């Protein structure tokens, strides 16, 4: 594990200490949990963007697959 020094306004530091205390964790653990959430959000956004890029221009094909999954007959071709 490594150390990270960050500079925060005193008010934010105080508030983070209060939040950590209310959750019964250390400020370090609180920051670690926040970083984990931020990284998970970033990873999800990246995966979504990659999937979106792969599907560009394939709307009609996607709609046919959705209809098939729902047990409906194929839609008439749209743009």
PDB file of N, CA and C in Angstrom:
ATOM      1  N   UNK A   1       0.854  -1.166   0.000  1.00  0.00           N
ATOM      2  CA  UNK A   1       0.000   0.000   0.000  1.00  0.00           C
ATOM      3  C   UNK A   1       0.902   1.231   0.000  1.00  0.00           C
ATOM      4  N   UNK A   2       0.427   2.307  -0.591  1.00  0.00           N
ATOM      5  CA  UNK A   2       1.220   3.525  -0.626  1.00  0.00           C
ATOM      6  C   UNK A   2       0.445   4.672  -0.007  1.00  0.00           C
ATOM      7  N   UNK A   3       1.158   5.724   0.310  1.00  0.00           N
ATOM      8  CA  UNK A   3       0.556   6.902   0.927  1.00  0.00           C
ATOM      9  C   UNK A   3       0.290   7.960  -0.135  1.00  0.00           C
ATOM     10  N   UNK A   4      -0.715   8.771   0.101  1.00  0.00           N
ATOM     11  CA  UNK A   4      -1.080   9.855  -0.792  1.00  0.00           C
ATOM     12  C   UNK A   4      -1.362  11.082   0.061  1.00  0.00           C
ATOM     13  N   UNK A   5      -0.705  12.164  -0.241  1.00  0.00           N
ATOM     14  CA  UNK A   5      -0.950  13.405   0.500  1.00  0.00           C
ATOM     15  C   UNK A   5      -1.827  14.291  -0.356  1.00  0.00           C
ATOM     16  N   UNK A   6      -2.935  14.723   0.198  1.00  0.00           N
ATOM     17  CA  UNK A   6      -3.827  15.641  -0.516  1.00  0.00           C
ATOM     18  C   UNK A   6      -4.045  16.880   0.339  1.00  0.00           C
ATOM     19  N   UNK A   7      -4.249  17.976  -0.318  1.00  0.00           N
ATOM     20  CA  UNK A   7      -4.515  19.220   0.383  1.00  0.00           C
ATOM     21  C   UNK A   7      -6.001  19.547   0.229  1.00  0.00           C
ATOM     22  N   UNK A   8      -6.643  19.790   1.366  1.00  0.00           N
ATOM     23  CA  UNK A   8      -8.067  20.117   1.392  1.00  0.00           C
ATOM     24  C   UNK A   8      -8.278  21.356   2.248  1.00  0.00           C
ATOM     25  N   UNK A   9      -9.291  22.128   1.909  1.00  0.00           N
ATOM     26  CA  UNK A   9      -9.650  23.220   2.815  1.00  0.00           C
ATOM     27  C   UNK A   9     -10.028  22.633   4.180  1.00  0.00           C
ATOM     28  N   UNK A  10      -9.730  23.352   5.216  1.00  0.00           N
ATOM     29  CA  UNK A  10      -9.975  22.874   6.582  1.00  0.00           C
ATOM     30  C   UNK A  10     -11.431  22.461   6.788  1.00  0.00           C
ATOM     31  N   UNK A  11     -12.352  23.213   6.216  1.00  0.00           N
ATOM     32  CA  UNK A  11     -13.784  22.898   6.380  1.00  0.00           C
ATOM     33  C   UNK A  11     -14.116  21.510   5.814  1.00  0.00           C
ATOM     34  N   UNK A  12     -13.569  21.194   4.639  1.00  0.00           N
ATOM     35  CA  UNK A  12     -13.824  19.868   4.053  1.00  0.00           C
ATOM     36  C   UNK A  12     -13.200  18.777   4.907  1.00  0.00           C
ATOM     37  N   UNK A  13     -12.008  19.013   5.379  1.00  0.00           N
ATOM     38  CA  UNK A  13     -11.344  18.029   6.233  1.00  0.00           C
ATOM     39  C   UNK A  13     -12.178  17.754   7.480  1.00  0.00           C
ATOM     40  N   UNK A  14     -12.672  18.813   8.092  1.00  0.00           N
ATOM     41  CA  UNK A  14     -13.502  18.669   9.287  1.00  0.00           C
ATOM     42  C   UNK A  14     -14.773  17.893   8.981  1.00  0.00           C
ATOM     43  N   UNK A  15     -15.401  18.217   7.874  1.00  0.00           N
ATOM     44  CA  UNK A  15     -16.639  17.527   7.500  1.00  0.00           C
ATOM     45  C   UNK A  15     -16.378  16.058   7.182  1.00  0.00           C
ATOM     46  N   UNK A  16     -15.256  15.764   6.507  1.00  0.00           N
ATOM     47  CA  UNK A  16     -14.919  14.374   6.225  1.00  0.00           C
ATOM     48  C   UNK A  16     -14.693  13.597   7.521  1.00  0.00           C
ATOM     49  N   UNK A  17     -14.059  14.235   8.484  1.00  0.00           N
ATOM     50  CA  UNK A  17     -13.852  13.572   9.774  1.00  0.00           C
ATOM     51  C   UNK A  17     -15.190  13.262  10.435  1.00  0.00           C
ATOM     52  N   UNK A  18     -16.156  14.184  10.328  1.00  0.00           N
ATOM     53  CA  UNK A  18     -17.485  13.959  10.906  1.00  0.00           C
ATOM     54  C   UNK A  18     -18.211  12.812  10.197  1.00  0.00           C
ATOM     55  N   UNK A  19     -18.106  12.777   8.882  1.00  0.00           N
ATOM     56  CA  UNK A  19     -18.742  11.701   8.116  1.00  0.00           C
ATOM     57  C   UNK A  19     -18.123  10.360   8.497  1.00  0.00           C
ATOM     58  N   UNK A  20     -16.802  10.321   8.553  1.00  0.00           N
ATOM     59  CA  UNK A  20     -16.112   9.083   8.911  1.00  0.00           C
ATOM     60  C   UNK A  20     -16.521   8.630  10.312  1.00  0.00           C
ATOM     61  N   UNK A  21     -16.589   9.563  11.230  1.00  0.00           N
ATOM     62  CA  UNK A  21     -16.981   9.224  12.602  1.00  0.00           C
ATOM     63  C   UNK A  21     -18.403   8.677  12.639  1.00  0.00           C
ATOM     64  N   UNK A  22     -19.307   9.293  11.878  1.00  0.00           N
ATOM     65  CA  UNK A  22     -20.700   8.835  11.879  1.00  0.00           C
ATOM     66  C   UNK A  22     -20.825   7.437  11.267  1.00  0.00           C
ATOM     67  N   UNK A  23     -19.905   7.089  10.355  1.00  0.00           N
ATOM     68  CA  UNK A  23     -19.919   5.757   9.739  1.00  0.00           C
ATOM     69  C   UNK A  23     -19.027   4.767  10.478  1.00  0.00           C
ATOM     70  N   UNK A  24     -18.405   5.265  11.531  1.00  0.00           N
ATOM     71  CA  UNK A  24     -17.528   4.429  12.364  1.00  0.00           C
ATOM     72  C   UNK A  24     -16.365   3.823  11.570  1.00  0.00           C
ATOM     73  N   UNK A  25     -15.758   4.658  10.727  1.00  0.00           N
ATOM     74  CA  UNK A  25     -14.561   4.279   9.984  1.00  0.00           C
ATOM     75  C   UNK A  25     -13.559   5.423  10.083  1.00  0.00           C
ATOM     76  N   UNK A  26     -12.337   5.139   9.710  1.00  0.00           N
ATOM     77  CA  UNK A  26     -11.319   6.189   9.691  1.00  0.00           C
ATOM     78  C   UNK A  26     -11.500   7.049   8.436  1.00  0.00           C
ATOM     79  N   UNK A  27     -10.899   8.226   8.449  1.00  0.00           N
ATOM     80  CA  UNK A  27     -10.938   9.078   7.260  1.00  0.00           C
ATOM     81  C   UNK A  27     -10.236   8.367   6.102  1.00  0.00           C
ATOM     82  N   UNK A  28      -9.172   7.669   6.401  1.00  0.00           N
ATOM     83  CA  UNK A  28      -8.459   6.913   5.368  1.00  0.00           C
ATOM     84  C   UNK A  28      -9.385   5.886   4.721  1.00  0.00           C
ATOM     85  N   UNK A  29     -10.108   5.134   5.531  1.00  0.00           N
ATOM     86  CA  UNK A  29     -11.037   4.135   5.004  1.00  0.00           C
ATOM     87  C   UNK A  29     -12.156   4.800   4.208  1.00  0.00           C
ATOM     88  N   UNK A  30     -12.646   5.932   4.678  1.00  0.00           N
ATOM     89  CA  UNK A  30     -13.694   6.674   3.975  1.00  0.00           C
ATOM     90  C   UNK A  30     -13.204   7.093   2.587  1.00  0.00           C
ATOM     91  N   UNK A  31     -12.000   7.645   2.516  1.00  0.00           N
ATOM     92  CA  UNK A  31     -11.431   8.071   1.235  1.00  0.00           C
ATOM     93  C   UNK A  31     -11.214   6.859   0.328  1.00  0.00           C
ATOM     94  N   UNK A  32     -10.755   5.750   0.898  1.00  0.00           N
ATOM     95  CA  UNK A  32     -10.557   4.536   0.113  1.00  0.00           C
ATOM     96  C   UNK A  32     -11.888   4.058  -0.478  1.00  0.00           C
ATOM     97  N   UNK A  33     -12.949   4.079   0.308  1.00  0.00           N
ATOM     98  CA  UNK A  33     -14.269   3.672  -0.181  1.00  0.00           C
ATOM     99  C   UNK A  33     -14.765   4.613  -1.276  1.00  0.00           C
ATOM    100  N   UNK A  34     -14.538   5.912  -1.109  1.00  0.00           N
ATOM    101  CA  UNK A  34     -14.953   6.878  -2.125  1.00  0.00           C
ATOM    102  C   UNK A  34     -14.183   6.643  -3.424  1.00  0.00           C
ATOM    103  N   UNK A  35     -12.883   6.348  -3.315  1.00  0.00           N
ATOM    104  CA  UNK A  35     -12.071   6.084  -4.501  1.00  0.00           C
ATOM    105  C   UNK A  35     -12.550   4.822  -5.211  1.00  0.00           C
ATOM    106  N   UNK A  36     -12.920   3.804  -4.451  1.00  0.00           N
ATOM    107  CA  UNK A  36     -13.425   2.558  -5.032  1.00  0.00           C
ATOM    108  C   UNK A  36     -14.698   2.819  -5.829  1.00  0.00           C
ATOM    109  N   UNK A  37     -15.600   3.613  -5.268  1.00  0.00           N
ATOM    110  CA  UNK A  37     -16.856   3.945  -5.960  1.00  0.00           C
ATOM    111  C   UNK A  37     -16.577   4.741  -7.229  1.00  0.00           C
ATOM    112  N   UNK A  38     -15.688   5.715  -7.138  1.00  0.00           N
ATOM    113  CA  UNK A  38     -15.347   6.533  -8.296  1.00  0.00           C
ATOM    114  C   UNK A  38     -14.747   5.677  -9.407  1.00  0.00           C
ATOM    115  N   UNK A  39     -13.838   4.776  -9.058  1.00  0.00           N
ATOM    116  CA  UNK A  39     -13.221   3.910 -10.067  1.00  0.00           C
ATOM    117  C   UNK A  39     -14.230   2.950 -10.690  1.00  0.00           C
ATOM    118  N   UNK A  40     -15.140   2.425  -9.894  1.00  0.00           N
ATOM    119  CA  UNK A  40     -16.185   1.530 -10.430  1.00  0.00           C
ATOM    120  C   UNK A  40     -17.084   2.290 -11.399  1.00  0.00           C
ATOM    121  N   UNK A  41     -17.445   3.524 -11.044  1.00  0.00           N
ATOM    122  CA  UNK A  41     -18.252   4.356 -11.947  1.00  0.00           C
ATOM    123  C   UNK A  41     -17.515   4.620 -13.258  1.00  0.00           C
ATOM    124  N   UNK A  42     -16.226   4.926 -13.143  1.00  0.00           N
ATOM    125  CA  UNK A  42     -15.421   5.185 -14.340  1.00  0.00           C
ATOM    126  C   UNK A  42     -15.354   3.949 -15.224  1.00  0.00           C
ATOM    127  N   UNK A  43     -15.127   2.789 -14.620  1.00  0.00           N
ATOM    128  CA  UNK A  43     -15.067   1.536 -15.382  1.00  0.00           C
ATOM    129  C   UNK A  43     -16.390   1.247 -16.082  1.00  0.00           C
ATOM    130  N   UNK A  44     -17.496   1.469 -15.390  1.00  0.00           N
ATOM    131  CA  UNK A  44     -18.820   1.233 -15.986  1.00  0.00           C
ATOM    132  C   UNK A  44     -19.055   2.187 -17.153  1.00  0.00           C
ATOM    133  N   UNK A  45     -18.687   3.447 -16.979  1.00  0.00           N
ATOM    134  CA  UNK A  45     -18.852   4.434 -18.052  1.00  0.00           C
ATOM    135  C   UNK A  45     -18.002   4.053 -19.262  1.00  0.00           C
ATOM    136  N   UNK A  46     -16.781   3.606 -19.022  1.00  0.00           N
ATOM    137  CA  UNK A  46     -15.891   3.199 -20.109  1.00  0.00           C
ATOM    138  C   UNK A  46     -16.471   2.007 -20.862  1.00  0.00           C
ATOM    139  N   UNK A  47     -16.969   1.004 -20.117  1.00  0.00           N
ATOM    140  CA  UNK A  47     -17.583  -0.168 -20.770  1.00  0.00           C
ATOM    141  C   UNK A  47     -18.793   0.249 -21.591  1.00  0.00           C
ATOM    142  N   UNK A  48     -19.621   1.147 -21.047  1.00  0.00           N
ATOM    143  CA  UNK A  48     -20.805   1.606 -21.767  1.00  0.00           C
ATOM    144  C   UNK A  48     -20.402   2.310 -23.059  1.00  0.00           C
ATOM    145  N   UNK A  49     -19.400   3.187 -22.984  1.00  0.00           N
ATOM    146  CA  UNK A  49     -18.959   3.909 -24.177  1.00  0.00           C
ATOM    147  C   UNK A  49     -18.425   2.957 -25.246  1.00  0.00           C
ATOM    148  N   UNK A  50     -17.691   1.932 -24.828  1.00  0.00           N
ATOM    149  CA  UNK A  50     -17.178   0.950 -25.790  1.00  0.00           C
ATOM    150  C   UNK A  50     -18.313   0.181 -26.452  1.00  0.00           C
ATOM    151  N   UNK A  51     -19.282  -0.250 -25.662  1.00  0.00           N
ATOM    152  CA  UNK A  51     -20.430  -0.970 -26.230  1.00  0.00           C
ATOM    153  C   UNK A  51     -21.245  -0.073 -27.148  1.00  0.00           C
ATOM    154  N   UNK A  52     -21.396   1.179 -26.752  1.00  0.00           N
ATOM    155  CA  UNK A  52     -22.135   2.132 -27.570  1.00  0.00           C
ATOM    156  C   UNK A  52     -21.452   2.313 -28.919  1.00  0.00           C
ATOM    157  N   UNK A  53     -20.133   2.426 -28.898  1.00  0.00           N
ATOM    158  CA  UNK A  53     -19.381   2.598 -30.146  1.00  0.00           C
ATOM    159  C   UNK A  53     -19.535   1.380 -31.045  1.00  0.00           C
ATOM    160  N   UNK A  54     -19.530   0.180 -30.447  1.00  0.00           N
ATOM    161  CA  UNK A  54     -19.689  -1.039 -31.255  1.00  0.00           C
ATOM    162  C   UNK A  54     -21.078  -1.121 -31.879  1.00  0.00           C
ATOM    163  N   UNK A  55     -22.072  -0.507 -31.257  1.00  0.00           N
ATOM    164  CA  UNK A  55     -23.441  -0.611 -31.754  1.00  0.00           C
ATOM    165  C   UNK A  55     -23.866   0.514 -32.675  1.00  0.00           C
ATOM    166  N   UNK A  56     -23.020   1.521 -32.847  1.00  0.00           N
ATOM    167  CA  UNK A  56     -23.398   2.647 -33.716  1.00  0.00           C
ATOM    168  C   UNK A  56     -23.702   2.155 -35.120  1.00  0.00           C
ATOM    169  N   UNK A  57     -24.814   2.624 -35.669  1.00  0.00           N
ATOM    170  CA  UNK A  57     -25.196   2.248 -37.021  1.00  0.00           C
ATOM    171  C   UNK A  57     -25.876   0.895 -37.113  1.00  0.00           C
ATOM    172  N   UNK A  58     -26.173   0.298 -35.968  1.00  0.00           N
ATOM    173  CA  UNK A  58     -26.781  -1.031 -35.976  1.00  0.00           C
ATOM    174  C   UNK A  58     -28.134  -1.025 -35.252  1.00  0.00           C
ATOM    175  N   UNK A  59     -28.860   0.097 -35.353  1.00  0.00           N
ATOM    176  CA  UNK A  59     -30.129   0.249 -34.637  1.00  0.00           C
ATOM    177  C   UNK A  59     -31.147  -0.782 -35.095  1.00  0.00           C
ATOM    178  N   UNK A  60     -31.301  -0.924 -36.393  1.00  0.00           N
ATOM    179  CA  UNK A  60     -32.307  -1.864 -36.924  1.00  0.00           C
ATOM    180  C   UNK A  60     -32.016  -3.291 -36.451  1.00  0.00           C
ATOM    181  N   UNK A  61     -30.750  -3.674 -36.486  1.00  0.00           N
ATOM    182  CA  UNK A  61     -30.357  -5.017 -36.042  1.00  0.00           C
ATOM    183  C   UNK A  61     -30.665  -5.198 -34.546  1.00  0.00           C
ATOM    184  N   UNK A  62     -30.412  -4.160 -33.768  1.00  0.00           N
ATOM    185  CA  UNK A  62     -30.696  -4.223 -32.338  1.00  0.00           C
ATOM    186  C   UNK A  62     -32.181  -4.344 -32.051  1.00  0.00           C
ATOM    187  N   UNK A  63     -32.997  -3.610 -32.798  1.00  0.00           N
ATOM    188  CA  UNK A  63     -34.446  -3.679 -32.607  1.00  0.00           C
ATOM    189  C   UNK A  63     -34.983  -5.065 -32.948  1.00  0.00           C
ATOM    190  N   UNK A  64     -34.431  -5.683 -33.980  1.00  0.00           N
ATOM    191  CA  UNK A  64     -34.842  -7.047 -34.351  1.00  0.00           C
ATOM    192  C   UNK A  64     -34.508  -8.008 -33.212  1.00  0.00           C
ATOM    193  N   UNK A  65     -33.322  -7.858 -32.630  1.00  0.00           N
ATOM    194  CA  UNK A  65     -32.925  -8.727 -31.516  1.00  0.00           C
ATOM    195  C   UNK A  65     -33.824  -8.521 -30.292  1.00  0.00           C
ATOM    196  N   UNK A  66     -34.192  -7.275 -30.031  1.00  0.00           N
ATOM    197  CA  UNK A  66     -35.094  -7.002 -28.909  1.00  0.00           C
ATOM    198  C   UNK A  66     -36.457  -7.636 -29.141  1.00  0.00           C
ATOM    199  N   UNK A  67     -36.959  -7.517 -30.366  1.00  0.00           N
ATOM    200  CA  UNK A  67     -38.244  -8.145 -30.696  1.00  0.00           C
ATOM    201  C   UNK A  67     -38.161  -9.660 -30.538  1.00  0.00           C
ATOM    202  N   UNK A  68     -37.061 -10.236 -31.001  1.00  0.00           N
ATOM    203  CA  UNK A  68     -36.882 -11.683 -30.901  1.00  0.00           C
ATOM    204  C   UNK A  68     -36.861 -12.110 -29.430  1.00  0.00           C
ATOM    205  N   UNK A  69     -36.164 -11.346 -28.603  1.00  0.00           N
ATOM    206  CA  UNK A  69     -36.084 -11.670 -27.178  1.00  0.00           C
ATOM    207  C   UNK A  69     -37.447 -11.542 -26.502  1.00  0.00           C
ATOM    208  N   UNK A  70     -38.268 -10.614 -26.990  1.00  0.00           N
ATOM    209  CA  UNK A  70     -39.585 -10.420 -26.415  1.00  0.00           C
ATOM    210  C   UNK A  70     -40.629 -11.356 -27.025  1.00  0.00           C
ATOM    211  N   UNK A  71     -40.229 -12.167 -27.997  1.00  0.00           N
ATOM    212  CA  UNK A  71     -41.149 -13.104 -28.629  1.00  0.00           C
ATOM    213  C   UNK A  71     -42.097 -12.455 -29.606  1.00  0.00           C
ATOM    214  N   UNK A  72     -41.729 -11.304 -30.129  1.00  0.00           N
ATOM    215  CA  UNK A  72     -42.566 -10.597 -31.099  1.00  0.00           C
ATOM    216  C   UNK A  72     -42.069 -10.863 -32.502  1.00  0.00           C
ATOM    217  N   UNK A  73     -42.959 -10.631 -33.467  1.00  0.00           N
ATOM    218  CA  UNK A  73     -42.511 -10.731 -34.852  1.00  0.00           C
ATOM    219  C   UNK A  73     -41.629  -9.540 -35.174  1.00  0.00           C
ATOM    220  N   UNK A  74     -40.770  -9.682 -36.168  1.00  0.00           N
ATOM    221  CA  UNK A  74     -39.806  -8.640 -36.514  1.00  0.00           C
ATOM    222  C   UNK A  74     -40.520  -7.349 -36.919  1.00  0.00           C
ATOM    223  N   UNK A  75     -39.929  -6.239 -36.550  1.00  0.00           N
ATOM    224  CA  UNK A  75     -40.460  -4.919 -36.935  1.00  0.00           C
ATOM    225  C   UNK A  75     -40.173  -4.682 -38.402  1.00  0.00           C
ATOM    226  N   UNK A  76     -40.969  -3.807 -38.971  1.00  0.00           N
ATOM    227  CA  UNK A  76     -40.655  -3.400 -40.338  1.00  0.00           C
ATOM    228  C   UNK A  76     -39.389  -2.565 -40.281  1.00  0.00           C
ATOM    229  N   UNK A  77     -38.581  -2.623 -41.321  1.00  0.00           N
ATOM    230  CA  UNK A  77     -37.291  -1.918 -41.307  1.00  0.00           C
ATOM    231  C   UNK A  77     -37.513  -0.410 -41.198  1.00  0.00           C
ATOM    232  N   UNK A  78     -36.758   0.172 -40.249  1.00  0.00           N
ATOM    233  CA  UNK A  78     -36.752   1.617 -40.079  1.00  0.00           C
ATOM    234  C   UNK A  78     -35.320   2.088 -40.271  1.00  0.00           C
ATOM    235  N   UNK A  79     -35.150   3.403 -40.344  1.00  0.00           N
ATOM    236  CA  UNK A  79     -33.807   3.972 -40.439  1.00  0.00           C
ATOM    237  C   UNK A  79     -33.080   3.749 -39.223  1.00  0.00           C
TER     238      UNK A  79
END
